[in-house]
Amino acid sequence: MGTAITFKRPDGKDASGYLANAARGNAPGVVVIQEWWGLSDQIKGLCDRFALAGFDALAPDLYKGKVVPYHDMESANKEMNSLDFMDATTQTVRGATQYLSRNGAKVGLTGFCLGGAVTIIGATKIPELAAGVVFYGIPPEQAAKPADVKIPLQAHFANKDDWCTPQLVDGFENGMKAAGKSLELFRYDAEHAFVNEQRQAVHDREAAELAWGRATEFFRKHLG
């Protein structure tokens, strides 16, 4: 359904990604950020799904073509740890946001796992954004403080998550509340990455559908 595109970062360098367009013209945009596996078929499928829901969706390729197979956690961890999160967010993700907003459309940011953390960083660093939806990822506080979040956020977390733990989630929620920031937070009795239907060991269809409905409704409210 979608197509591979190249777009410019603010620094003038080229970045690539997967774009799925809504049927209507001048649709609002959603930038979709990958898990630590890379720009997988599953993430491309989510872009297609956003397009069917009425949004132009662009997933920038933060690993520049590399996709790690699901069983290889060691390689995924290595790729994630070698990613320059600040450059990825303020350049590649911001470039994707600017690409979708070029006709005056409002743009939201969403991401999963690694992409959830990028979404929170983006909420503090990307002025063109109107809203964000976070899935089970929180950056270290030195990368993004709740007090610096500039857009309404919705967040989805898993209670059985040993990476983005309930304790981390509590800290983030308390930080957002203390700073008086707009946050809708949902917790699910599910595993980390429960939205990913290609990973049957962790996928929870009921939780995933509930979260998807909440996310699209939130974006419709804030992006039009």
C-alpha atoms as a PDB file:
ATOM      1  CA  MET A   1       0.000   0.000   0.000  1.00  0.00           C
ATOM      2  CA  GLY A   2       2.733   2.432   0.953  1.00  0.00           C
ATOM      3  CA  THR A   3       5.979   3.329  -0.735  1.00  0.00           C
ATOM      4  CA  ALA A   4       9.634   3.992   0.102  1.00  0.00           C
ATOM      5  CA  ILE A   5      10.503   7.701   0.023  1.00  0.00           C
ATOM      6  CA  THR A   6      13.447   9.999   0.657  1.00  0.00           C
ATOM      7  CA  PHE A   7      13.005  13.240   2.599  1.00  0.00           C
ATOM      8  CA  LYS A   8      15.288  16.000   3.877  1.00  0.00           C
ATOM      9  CA  ARG A   9      16.429  16.419   7.444  1.00  0.00           C
ATOM     10  CA  PRO A  10      16.748  19.974   8.816  1.00  0.00           C
ATOM     11  CA  ASP A  11      20.540  19.697   8.344  1.00  0.00           C
ATOM     12  CA  GLY A  12      20.021  19.063   4.602  1.00  0.00           C
ATOM     13  CA  LYS A  13      20.985  15.371   4.672  1.00  0.00           C
ATOM     14  CA  ASP A  14      18.714  12.777   3.088  1.00  0.00           C
ATOM     15  CA  ALA A  15      16.755  10.281   5.167  1.00  0.00           C
ATOM     16  CA  SER A  16      14.520   7.486   3.985  1.00  0.00           C
ATOM     17  CA  GLY A  17      11.272   6.004   5.197  1.00  0.00           C
ATOM     18  CA  TYR A  18       8.011   4.286   4.380  1.00  0.00           C
ATOM     19  CA  LEU A  19       5.013   6.480   3.505  1.00  0.00           C
ATOM     20  CA  ALA A  20       1.370   5.407   3.388  1.00  0.00           C
ATOM     21  CA  ASN A  21      -1.123   8.056   2.273  1.00  0.00           C
ATOM     22  CA  ALA A  22      -4.742   8.398   3.334  1.00  0.00           C
ATOM     23  CA  ALA A  23      -7.357   8.332   0.581  1.00  0.00           C
ATOM     24  CA  ARG A  24      -8.300  11.971   1.199  1.00  0.00           C
ATOM     25  CA  GLY A  25      -6.069  14.901   0.344  1.00  0.00           C
ATOM     26  CA  ASN A  26      -4.664  17.221   3.028  1.00  0.00           C
ATOM     27  CA  ALA A  27      -4.936  14.500   5.670  1.00  0.00           C
ATOM     28  CA  PRO A  28      -3.318  15.008   9.067  1.00  0.00           C
ATOM     29  CA  GLY A  29       0.000  13.214   9.499  1.00  0.00           C
ATOM     30  CA  VAL A  30       1.412  10.631  11.882  1.00  0.00           C
ATOM     31  CA  VAL A  31       5.117   9.855  12.136  1.00  0.00           C
ATOM     32  CA  VAL A  32       5.559   6.218  13.232  1.00  0.00           C
ATOM     33  CA  ILE A  33       8.767   5.154  14.993  1.00  0.00           C
ATOM     34  CA  GLN A  34      10.089   1.609  14.863  1.00  0.00           C
ATOM     35  CA  GLU A  35      10.865  -0.825  17.665  1.00  0.00           C
ATOM     36  CA  TRP A  36      14.485  -1.787  18.311  1.00  0.00           C
ATOM     37  CA  TRP A  37      14.276  -4.290  15.430  1.00  0.00           C
ATOM     38  CA  GLY A  38      14.280  -1.591  12.731  1.00  0.00           C
ATOM     39  CA  LEU A  39      11.801  -0.571  10.027  1.00  0.00           C
ATOM     40  CA  SER A  40      10.099  -3.965   9.888  1.00  0.00           C
ATOM     41  CA  ASP A  41       7.135  -5.110   7.807  1.00  0.00           C
ATOM     42  CA  GLN A  42       5.070  -4.871  10.981  1.00  0.00           C
ATOM     43  CA  ILE A  43       5.814  -1.138  11.353  1.00  0.00           C
ATOM     44  CA  LYS A  44       5.062  -0.604   7.649  1.00  0.00           C
ATOM     45  CA  GLY A  45       1.763  -2.414   8.248  1.00  0.00           C
ATOM     46  CA  LEU A  46       0.932   0.039  11.042  1.00  0.00           C
ATOM     47  CA  CYS A  47       1.544   2.914   8.598  1.00  0.00           C
ATOM     48  CA  ASP A  48      -0.892   1.276   6.168  1.00  0.00           C
ATOM     49  CA  ARG A  49      -3.391   0.958   8.986  1.00  0.00           C
ATOM     50  CA  PHE A  50      -3.046   4.632   9.933  1.00  0.00           C
ATOM     51  CA  ALA A  51      -3.608   5.525   6.257  1.00  0.00           C
ATOM     52  CA  LEU A  52      -6.833   3.493   6.226  1.00  0.00           C
ATOM     53  CA  ALA A  53      -7.859   5.384   9.389  1.00  0.00           C
ATOM     54  CA  GLY A  54      -7.441   8.705   7.531  1.00  0.00           C
ATOM     55  CA  PHE A  55      -3.868   9.779   8.290  1.00  0.00           C
ATOM     56  CA  ASP A  56      -0.790  10.168   6.096  1.00  0.00           C
ATOM     57  CA  ALA A  57       1.735   7.978   7.938  1.00  0.00           C
ATOM     58  CA  LEU A  58       5.518   8.087   7.559  1.00  0.00           C
ATOM     59  CA  ALA A  59       7.942   5.732   9.324  1.00  0.00           C
ATOM     60  CA  PRO A  60      11.515   7.062   9.079  1.00  0.00           C
ATOM     61  CA  ASP A  61      14.201   4.391   8.858  1.00  0.00           C
ATOM     62  CA  LEU A  62      16.383   5.109  11.892  1.00  0.00           C
ATOM     63  CA  TYR A  63      18.667   2.104  11.239  1.00  0.00           C
ATOM     64  CA  LYS A  64      19.288   3.092   7.588  1.00  0.00           C
ATOM     65  CA  GLY A  65      18.161  -0.142   5.998  1.00  0.00           C
ATOM     66  CA  LYS A  66      19.053  -2.623   8.726  1.00  0.00           C
ATOM     67  CA  VAL A  67      16.265  -4.825  10.079  1.00  0.00           C
ATOM     68  CA  VAL A  68      17.112  -7.274  12.868  1.00  0.00           C
ATOM     69  CA  PRO A  69      15.272 -10.637  12.959  1.00  0.00           C
ATOM     70  CA  TYR A  70      12.952 -11.037  15.952  1.00  0.00           C
ATOM     71  CA  HIS A  71      14.956 -13.809  17.626  1.00  0.00           C
ATOM     72  CA  ASP A  72      18.225 -11.824  17.652  1.00  0.00           C
ATOM     73  CA  MET A  73      17.865  -9.657  20.752  1.00  0.00           C
ATOM     74  CA  GLU A  74      21.630  -9.212  21.067  1.00  0.00           C
ATOM     75  CA  SER A  75      21.858  -7.527  17.637  1.00  0.00           C
ATOM     76  CA  ALA A  76      18.749  -5.436  18.317  1.00  0.00           C
ATOM     77  CA  ASN A  77      20.255  -4.207  21.574  1.00  0.00           C
ATOM     78  CA  LYS A  78      23.520  -3.409  19.779  1.00  0.00           C
ATOM     79  CA  GLU A  79      21.706  -1.435  17.070  1.00  0.00           C
ATOM     80  CA  MET A  80      19.647   0.480  19.621  1.00  0.00           C
ATOM     81  CA  ASN A  81      22.702   1.308  21.741  1.00  0.00           C
ATOM     82  CA  SER A  82      24.622   2.583  18.722  1.00  0.00           C
ATOM     83  CA  LEU A  83      21.750   4.858  17.669  1.00  0.00           C
ATOM     84  CA  ASP A  84      22.301   8.556  18.334  1.00  0.00           C
ATOM     85  CA  PHE A  85      18.877   9.244  19.828  1.00  0.00           C
ATOM     86  CA  MET A  86      19.250  13.027  19.757  1.00  0.00           C
ATOM     87  CA  ASP A  87      20.311  13.109  16.102  1.00  0.00           C
ATOM     88  CA  ALA A  88      17.599  10.592  15.184  1.00  0.00           C
ATOM     89  CA  THR A  89      14.925  12.669  16.923  1.00  0.00           C
ATOM     90  CA  THR A  90      15.960  16.261  16.166  1.00  0.00           C
ATOM     91  CA  GLN A  91      17.001  15.520  12.579  1.00  0.00           C
ATOM     92  CA  THR A  92      15.458  12.375  11.065  1.00  0.00           C
ATOM     93  CA  VAL A  93      12.179  12.363  13.007  1.00  0.00           C
ATOM     94  CA  ARG A  94      11.838  16.135  12.774  1.00  0.00           C
ATOM     95  CA  GLY A  95      12.497  15.913   9.025  1.00  0.00           C
ATOM     96  CA  ALA A  96       9.690  13.348   8.721  1.00  0.00           C
ATOM     97  CA  THR A  97       7.401  15.644  10.728  1.00  0.00           C
ATOM     98  CA  GLN A  98       8.242  18.612   8.485  1.00  0.00           C
ATOM     99  CA  TYR A  99       7.627  16.468   5.394  1.00  0.00           C
ATOM    100  CA  LEU A 100       4.094  15.598   6.558  1.00  0.00           C
ATOM    101  CA  SER A 101       3.330  19.151   7.715  1.00  0.00           C
ATOM    102  CA  ARG A 102       4.507  20.865   4.517  1.00  0.00           C
ATOM    103  CA  ASN A 103       0.942  21.532   3.324  1.00  0.00           C
ATOM    104  CA  GLY A 104      -0.140  22.901   6.695  1.00  0.00           C
ATOM    105  CA  ALA A 105      -1.402  19.578   8.085  1.00  0.00           C
ATOM    106  CA  LYS A 106      -1.178  18.904  11.813  1.00  0.00           C
ATOM    107  CA  VAL A 107       1.213  16.073  12.657  1.00  0.00           C
ATOM    108  CA  GLY A 108       1.421  13.613  15.542  1.00  0.00           C
ATOM    109  CA  LEU A 109       4.227  11.279  16.603  1.00  0.00           C
ATOM    110  CA  THR A 110       3.918   7.704  17.799  1.00  0.00           C
ATOM    111  CA  GLY A 111       6.404   4.939  18.484  1.00  0.00           C
ATOM    112  CA  PHE A 112       6.848   1.527  20.017  1.00  0.00           C
ATOM    113  CA  CYS A 113       9.547   0.330  22.448  1.00  0.00           C
ATOM    114  CA  LEU A 114      12.634   2.319  21.275  1.00  0.00           C
ATOM    115  CA  GLY A 115      10.124   4.436  19.326  1.00  0.00           C
ATOM    116  CA  GLY A 116       8.145   5.164  22.471  1.00  0.00           C
ATOM    117  CA  ALA A 117      11.249   6.701  24.005  1.00  0.00           C
ATOM    118  CA  VAL A 118      11.861   8.670  20.786  1.00  0.00           C
ATOM    119  CA  THR A 119       8.254   9.920  20.936  1.00  0.00           C
ATOM    120  CA  ILE A 120       8.810  11.399  24.402  1.00  0.00           C
ATOM    121  CA  ILE A 121      12.098  13.003  23.303  1.00  0.00           C
ATOM    122  CA  GLY A 122      10.301  14.372  20.226  1.00  0.00           C
ATOM    123  CA  ALA A 123       7.570  15.813  22.437  1.00  0.00           C
ATOM    124  CA  THR A 124      10.236  18.010  24.032  1.00  0.00           C
ATOM    125  CA  LYS A 125      12.324  18.824  20.927  1.00  0.00           C
ATOM    126  CA  ILE A 126      10.158  18.978  17.763  1.00  0.00           C
ATOM    127  CA  PRO A 127       8.171  22.236  17.521  1.00  0.00           C
ATOM    128  CA  GLU A 128       6.069  21.109  14.526  1.00  0.00           C
ATOM    129  CA  LEU A 129       4.282  18.378  16.505  1.00  0.00           C
ATOM    130  CA  ALA A 130       0.693  18.668  17.752  1.00  0.00           C
ATOM    131  CA  ALA A 131       0.328  15.430  19.782  1.00  0.00           C
ATOM    132  CA  GLY A 132       2.116  12.196  20.677  1.00  0.00           C
ATOM    133  CA  VAL A 133       1.173   8.609  21.498  1.00  0.00           C
ATOM    134  CA  VAL A 134       3.754   6.533  23.380  1.00  0.00           C
ATOM    135  CA  PHE A 135       3.874   2.730  23.419  1.00  0.00           C
ATOM    136  CA  TYR A 136       5.998   1.090  26.149  1.00  0.00           C
ATOM    137  CA  GLY A 137       9.118   3.204  25.949  1.00  0.00           C
ATOM    138  CA  ILE A 138      10.520   5.931  28.227  1.00  0.00           C
ATOM    139  CA  PRO A 139      13.852   7.709  27.683  1.00  0.00           C
ATOM    140  CA  PRO A 140      16.304   8.479  30.490  1.00  0.00           C
ATOM    141  CA  GLU A 141      15.382  11.739  32.178  1.00  0.00           C
ATOM    142  CA  GLN A 142      18.569  13.432  30.932  1.00  0.00           C
ATOM    143  CA  ALA A 143      17.260  12.899  27.369  1.00  0.00           C
ATOM    144  CA  ALA A 144      13.787  14.298  28.026  1.00  0.00           C
ATOM    145  CA  LYS A 145      12.277  15.670  31.205  1.00  0.00           C
ATOM    146  CA  PRO A 146       8.486  15.529  31.679  1.00  0.00           C
ATOM    147  CA  ALA A 147       8.579  19.270  32.479  1.00  0.00           C
ATOM    148  CA  ASP A 148       9.848  19.947  28.938  1.00  0.00           C
ATOM    149  CA  VAL A 149       7.022  18.111  27.121  1.00  0.00           C
ATOM    150  CA  LYS A 150       5.276  20.631  24.862  1.00  0.00           C
ATOM    151  CA  ILE A 151       2.345  18.617  23.442  1.00  0.00           C
ATOM    152  CA  PRO A 152      -0.541  16.491  24.752  1.00  0.00           C
ATOM    153  CA  LEU A 153       0.546  12.878  25.202  1.00  0.00           C
ATOM    154  CA  GLN A 154      -1.288   9.588  25.386  1.00  0.00           C
ATOM    155  CA  ALA A 155       0.699   6.599  26.646  1.00  0.00           C
ATOM    156  CA  HIS A 156       0.201   2.821  26.650  1.00  0.00           C
ATOM    157  CA  PHE A 157       2.217   0.594  28.961  1.00  0.00           C
ATOM    158  CA  ALA A 158       2.335  -3.101  29.835  1.00  0.00           C
ATOM    159  CA  ASN A 159       2.186  -4.286  33.441  1.00  0.00           C
ATOM    160  CA  LYS A 160       4.365  -7.335  32.665  1.00  0.00           C
ATOM    161  CA  ASP A 161       7.136  -5.297  31.056  1.00  0.00           C
ATOM    162  CA  ASP A 162      10.640  -5.868  32.397  1.00  0.00           C
ATOM    163  CA  TRP A 163      12.230  -3.234  30.091  1.00  0.00           C
ATOM    164  CA  CYS A 164       9.827  -0.327  30.480  1.00  0.00           C
ATOM    165  CA  THR A 165       8.833  -1.385  33.988  1.00  0.00           C
ATOM    166  CA  PRO A 166       5.742  -0.307  35.955  1.00  0.00           C
ATOM    167  CA  GLN A 167       8.145   1.540  38.300  1.00  0.00           C
ATOM    168  CA  LEU A 168       9.542   3.559  35.397  1.00  0.00           C
ATOM    169  CA  VAL A 169       5.987   4.258  34.254  1.00  0.00           C
ATOM    170  CA  ASP A 170       5.043   5.475  37.753  1.00  0.00           C
ATOM    171  CA  GLY A 171       7.995   7.855  37.726  1.00  0.00           C
ATOM    172  CA  PHE A 172       7.060   9.219  34.307  1.00  0.00           C
ATOM    173  CA  GLU A 173       3.404   9.625  35.275  1.00  0.00           C
ATOM    174  CA  ASN A 174       4.307  11.420  38.503  1.00  0.00           C
ATOM    175  CA  GLY A 175       6.757  13.688  36.662  1.00  0.00           C
ATOM    176  CA  MET A 176       4.121  14.646  34.095  1.00  0.00           C
ATOM    177  CA  LYS A 177       1.548  15.312  36.824  1.00  0.00           C
ATOM    178  CA  ALA A 178       3.982  17.380  38.884  1.00  0.00           C
ATOM    179  CA  ALA A 179       4.767  19.482  35.805  1.00  0.00           C
ATOM    180  CA  GLY A 180       1.066  19.962  35.040  1.00  0.00           C
ATOM    181  CA  LYS A 181       1.367  18.291  31.624  1.00  0.00           C
ATOM    182  CA  SER A 182      -1.456  16.781  29.574  1.00  0.00           C
ATOM    183  CA  LEU A 183      -1.208  12.974  29.794  1.00  0.00           C
ATOM    184  CA  GLU A 184      -3.711  10.175  29.181  1.00  0.00           C
ATOM    185  CA  LEU A 185      -2.054   7.037  30.521  1.00  0.00           C
ATOM    186  CA  PHE A 186      -3.305   3.475  30.086  1.00  0.00           C
ATOM    187  CA  ARG A 187      -1.913   0.269  31.549  1.00  0.00           C
ATOM    188  CA  TYR A 188      -2.609  -3.196  30.172  1.00  0.00           C
ATOM    189  CA  ASP A 189      -2.182  -6.575  31.809  1.00  0.00           C
ATOM    190  CA  ALA A 190       0.088  -7.602  28.957  1.00  0.00           C
ATOM    191  CA  GLU A 191       3.723  -8.065  27.918  1.00  0.00           C
ATOM    192  CA  HIS A 192       6.156  -5.564  26.402  1.00  0.00           C
ATOM    193  CA  ALA A 193       5.443  -5.182  22.639  1.00  0.00           C
ATOM    194  CA  PHE A 194       1.883  -6.481  22.985  1.00  0.00           C
ATOM    195  CA  VAL A 195       0.797  -4.602  19.830  1.00  0.00           C
ATOM    196  CA  ASN A 196       3.193  -6.549  17.570  1.00  0.00           C
ATOM    197  CA  GLU A 197       1.046  -9.227  15.917  1.00  0.00           C
ATOM    198  CA  GLN A 198       4.136 -10.824  14.336  1.00  0.00           C
ATOM    199  CA  ARG A 199       5.444 -11.826  17.768  1.00  0.00           C
ATOM    200  CA  GLN A 200       2.860 -14.307  18.973  1.00  0.00           C
ATOM    201  CA  ALA A 201       4.695 -14.928  22.262  1.00  0.00           C
ATOM    202  CA  VAL A 202       3.894 -11.390  23.450  1.00  0.00           C
ATOM    203  CA  HIS A 203       1.000 -10.234  21.249  1.00  0.00           C
ATOM    204  CA  ASP A 204      -2.270  -9.546  23.061  1.00  0.00           C
ATOM    205  CA  ARG A 205      -4.936  -8.920  20.467  1.00  0.00           C
ATOM    206  CA  GLU A 206      -7.537  -7.531  22.849  1.00  0.00           C
ATOM    207  CA  ALA A 207      -5.116  -5.065  24.454  1.00  0.00           C
ATOM    208  CA  ALA A 208      -3.703  -4.129  21.046  1.00  0.00           C
ATOM    209  CA  GLU A 209      -7.142  -3.353  19.585  1.00  0.00           C
ATOM    210  CA  LEU A 210      -8.123  -1.333  22.637  1.00  0.00           C
ATOM    211  CA  ALA A 211      -4.885   0.674  22.480  1.00  0.00           C
ATOM    212  CA  TRP A 212      -5.234   1.197  18.706  1.00  0.00           C
ATOM    213  CA  GLY A 213      -8.768   2.575  19.108  1.00  0.00           C
ATOM    214  CA  ARG A 214      -7.629   4.935  21.854  1.00  0.00           C
ATOM    215  CA  ALA A 215      -4.620   6.118  19.813  1.00  0.00           C
ATOM    216  CA  THR A 216      -6.560   6.858  16.623  1.00  0.00           C
ATOM    217  CA  GLU A 217      -9.296   8.643  18.573  1.00  0.00           C
ATOM    218  CA  PHE A 218      -6.670  10.754  20.366  1.00  0.00           C
ATOM    219  CA  PHE A 219      -5.019  11.708  17.073  1.00  0.00           C
ATOM    220  CA  ARG A 220      -8.376  12.586  15.483  1.00  0.00           C
ATOM    221  CA  LYS A 221      -9.099  14.860  18.446  1.00  0.00           C
ATOM    222  CA  HIS A 222      -5.743  16.685  18.290  1.00  0.00           C
ATOM    223  CA  LEU A 223      -4.891  16.544  14.584  1.00  0.00           C
ATOM    224  CA  GLY A 224      -8.328  16.854  12.951  1.00  0.00           C
END
